[in-house]
Amino acid sequence: MHTETVRINVILPKDLIKSVNKIAGPRSRSYLIAESLREYIRKIEQNELDKRLEYGYRASAEESILLADEFKDINLEGCDEY
């Protein structure tokens, strides 16, 4: 898949560039940096989704507890069991 690219200037620590050059191997630094940024962004987005899901699950659980509490005193004697 071909993606339009944009050239940017980035200032990075020298030791980080040495590591990038060592790891990039036959691939280019640009490719390695782009893939690293994609993974970083994916992790941040996943973390945000996890937080929203946790909030939703907690809200749903609290609502379920309140709903169950409303019905706790109902006498089911004589009702059919399913």
Protein backbone atom coordinates (compact mmCIF):
# COMPACT_ATOMS: atom_id res chain seq x y z
CA MET A 1 0.00 0.00 0.00
CA HIS A 2 1.52 3.29 -1.09
CA THR A 3 1.01 6.23 1.23
CA GLU A 4 1.76 9.84 0.41
CA THR A 5 4.76 10.97 2.40
CA VAL A 6 5.90 14.31 3.78
CA ARG A 7 9.47 15.26 4.61
CA ILE A 8 10.02 16.64 8.11
CA ASN A 9 13.06 17.63 10.11
CA VAL A 10 13.36 16.01 13.52
CA ILE A 11 16.10 16.47 16.10
CA LEU A 12 16.92 13.27 17.99
CA PRO A 13 19.61 12.32 20.50
CA LYS A 14 22.77 10.91 18.92
CA ASP A 15 22.57 7.62 20.86
CA LEU A 16 19.02 7.09 19.61
CA ILE A 17 20.10 7.58 16.00
CA LYS A 18 22.90 5.03 16.51
CA SER A 19 20.33 2.51 17.72
CA VAL A 20 17.97 3.32 14.85
CA ASN A 21 20.76 2.84 12.31
CA LYS A 22 21.70 -0.49 13.90
CA ILE A 23 18.12 -1.78 13.95
CA ALA A 24 16.99 -0.45 10.59
CA GLY A 25 19.31 -2.80 8.72
CA PRO A 26 18.23 -3.08 5.10
CA ARG A 27 15.14 -1.00 5.82
CA SER A 28 15.40 2.75 5.88
CA ARG A 29 15.35 4.86 9.00
CA SER A 30 12.21 6.54 7.72
CA TYR A 31 10.42 3.18 7.53
CA LEU A 32 11.50 2.19 11.04
CA ILE A 33 10.50 5.55 12.51
CA ALA A 34 7.14 5.53 10.68
CA GLU A 35 6.34 2.00 11.89
CA SER A 36 7.40 2.89 15.44
CA LEU A 37 5.13 5.94 15.41
CA ARG A 38 2.23 3.85 14.06
CA GLU A 39 2.69 1.34 16.89
CA TYR A 40 2.97 4.12 19.49
CA ILE A 41 -0.23 5.76 18.22
CA ARG A 42 -2.02 2.38 18.12
CA LYS A 43 -1.09 1.76 21.78
CA ILE A 44 -2.33 5.20 22.85
CA GLU A 45 -5.62 4.73 20.98
CA GLN A 46 -6.05 1.23 22.46
CA ASN A 47 -5.38 2.60 25.95
CA GLU A 48 -8.01 5.32 25.44
CA LEU A 49 -10.51 2.72 24.20
CA ASP A 50 -9.77 0.47 27.20
CA LYS A 51 -10.43 3.39 29.57
CA ARG A 52 -13.76 4.19 27.88
CA LEU A 53 -14.79 0.53 27.97
CA GLU A 54 -13.86 0.24 31.64
CA TYR A 55 -15.92 3.33 32.43
CA GLY A 56 -18.87 1.89 30.49
CA TYR A 57 -18.62 -1.50 32.19
CA ARG A 58 -18.46 0.11 35.62
CA ALA A 59 -21.47 2.33 34.86
CA SER A 60 -23.38 -0.69 33.55
CA ALA A 61 -22.50 -2.73 36.65
CA GLU A 62 -23.70 0.03 38.96
CA GLU A 63 -26.94 0.31 36.99
CA SER A 64 -27.45 -3.47 37.18
CA ILE A 65 -26.93 -3.44 40.96
CA LEU A 66 -29.48 -0.64 41.37
CA LEU A 67 -31.97 -2.45 39.14
CA ALA A 68 -31.52 -5.74 41.01
CA ASP A 69 -31.99 -3.89 44.30
CA GLU A 70 -35.36 -2.56 43.11
CA PHE A 71 -36.65 -6.12 42.61
CA LYS A 72 -35.16 -7.80 45.69
CA ASP A 73 -38.34 -7.60 47.76
CA ILE A 74 -40.68 -9.03 45.12
CA ASN A 75 -42.43 -12.19 46.26
CA LEU A 76 -42.17 -14.75 43.46
CA GLU A 77 -44.16 -17.42 45.27
CA GLY A 78 -46.61 -19.02 42.88
CA CYS A 79 -44.81 -17.77 39.78
CA ASP A 80 -43.68 -20.26 37.16
CA GLU A 81 -39.97 -20.93 37.00
CA TYR A 82 -38.36 -20.87 33.60
